[in-house]
């Protein structure tokens, strides 16, 4: 079924985004709390993004505004955070 394929693709994309966030944050030397505070989101939300989730079992689907804020805090172009597909 097409919908199942789309769900699996999105889950994979969200996980790759999470890994990219984590790598960029670790390179910067920042804590999850620091990034979350500076991006004006909760630490819980940021942690979930790094795990590729929004709710348990639900792939992350962050707002563009959130991704832009995080990319600015991490001082990386947003393109560096987004998986290449």
Protein backbone atom coordinates (compact mmCIF):
# COMPACT_ATOMS: atom_id res chain seq x y z
CA UNK A 1 0.00 0.00 0.00
CA UNK A 2 1.31 3.45 -0.92
CA UNK A 3 0.46 5.02 2.45
CA UNK A 4 2.55 2.43 4.31
CA UNK A 5 5.51 3.15 2.02
CA UNK A 6 5.15 6.90 2.62
CA UNK A 7 5.01 6.31 6.40
CA UNK A 8 8.19 4.20 6.32
CA UNK A 9 9.98 6.75 4.09
CA UNK A 10 9.02 9.58 6.46
CA UNK A 11 10.14 7.58 9.48
CA UNK A 12 13.53 7.00 7.84
CA UNK A 13 13.79 10.70 6.88
CA UNK A 14 12.94 11.81 10.43
CA UNK A 15 15.58 9.48 11.87
CA UNK A 16 18.23 10.83 9.47
CA UNK A 17 17.26 14.38 10.44
CA UNK A 18 17.65 13.43 14.09
CA UNK A 19 21.13 12.02 13.49
CA UNK A 20 22.12 15.19 11.62
CA UNK A 21 20.88 17.35 14.50
CA UNK A 22 22.80 15.29 17.00
CA UNK A 23 26.03 15.35 14.96
CA UNK A 24 25.83 19.13 14.44
CA UNK A 25 25.10 19.72 18.11
CA UNK A 26 27.95 17.50 19.25
CA UNK A 27 30.36 19.25 16.85
CA UNK A 28 29.32 22.57 18.35
CA UNK A 29 29.90 21.32 21.89
CA UNK A 30 26.42 22.42 22.98
CA UNK A 31 24.08 20.52 25.26
CA UNK A 32 20.56 19.61 24.21
CA UNK A 33 19.28 22.07 26.82
CA UNK A 34 21.38 24.92 25.41
CA UNK A 35 20.15 24.33 21.85
CA UNK A 36 16.54 24.01 22.99
CA UNK A 37 16.68 27.16 25.12
CA UNK A 38 18.29 29.24 22.37
CA UNK A 39 15.83 27.89 19.75
CA UNK A 40 12.89 28.65 22.07
CA UNK A 41 11.64 25.07 22.24
CA UNK A 42 11.43 22.66 25.15
CA UNK A 43 14.27 20.28 25.91
CA UNK A 44 11.73 17.44 25.60
CA UNK A 45 10.85 18.54 22.07
CA UNK A 46 14.50 18.86 21.07
CA UNK A 47 15.37 15.43 22.46
CA UNK A 48 12.47 13.90 20.55
CA UNK A 49 13.70 15.55 17.34
CA UNK A 50 17.14 14.04 17.81
CA UNK A 51 15.43 10.66 18.13
CA UNK A 52 13.35 11.27 15.00
CA UNK A 53 10.07 11.25 16.91
CA UNK A 54 7.37 13.68 17.90
CA UNK A 55 5.31 11.26 20.01
CA UNK A 56 6.17 7.64 20.78
CA UNK A 57 5.93 5.74 17.51
CA UNK A 58 5.24 8.87 15.47
CA UNK A 59 7.98 10.23 13.18
CA UNK A 60 9.06 13.81 13.80
CA UNK A 61 7.51 16.49 11.64
CA UNK A 62 9.07 19.74 12.88
CA UNK A 63 7.94 23.14 11.71
CA UNK A 64 10.20 24.99 9.34
CA UNK A 65 10.44 27.79 11.92
CA UNK A 66 11.82 25.29 14.45
CA UNK A 67 14.40 23.92 12.00
CA UNK A 68 15.54 27.43 11.05
CA UNK A 69 15.90 28.37 14.72
CA UNK A 70 17.93 25.24 15.47
CA UNK A 71 20.16 25.72 12.43
CA UNK A 72 20.90 29.28 13.57
CA UNK A 73 21.77 28.15 17.08
CA UNK A 74 24.05 25.43 15.69
CA UNK A 75 25.45 27.89 13.12
CA UNK A 76 24.97 25.46 10.23
CA UNK A 77 22.99 25.92 7.03
CA UNK A 78 19.63 24.23 7.25
CA UNK A 79 20.57 22.21 4.14
CA UNK A 80 23.26 20.52 6.22
CA UNK A 81 20.61 19.22 8.61
CA UNK A 82 18.14 17.96 6.01
CA UNK A 83 18.68 14.47 4.61
CA UNK A 84 19.60 14.40 0.93
CA UNK A 85 17.06 12.44 -1.07
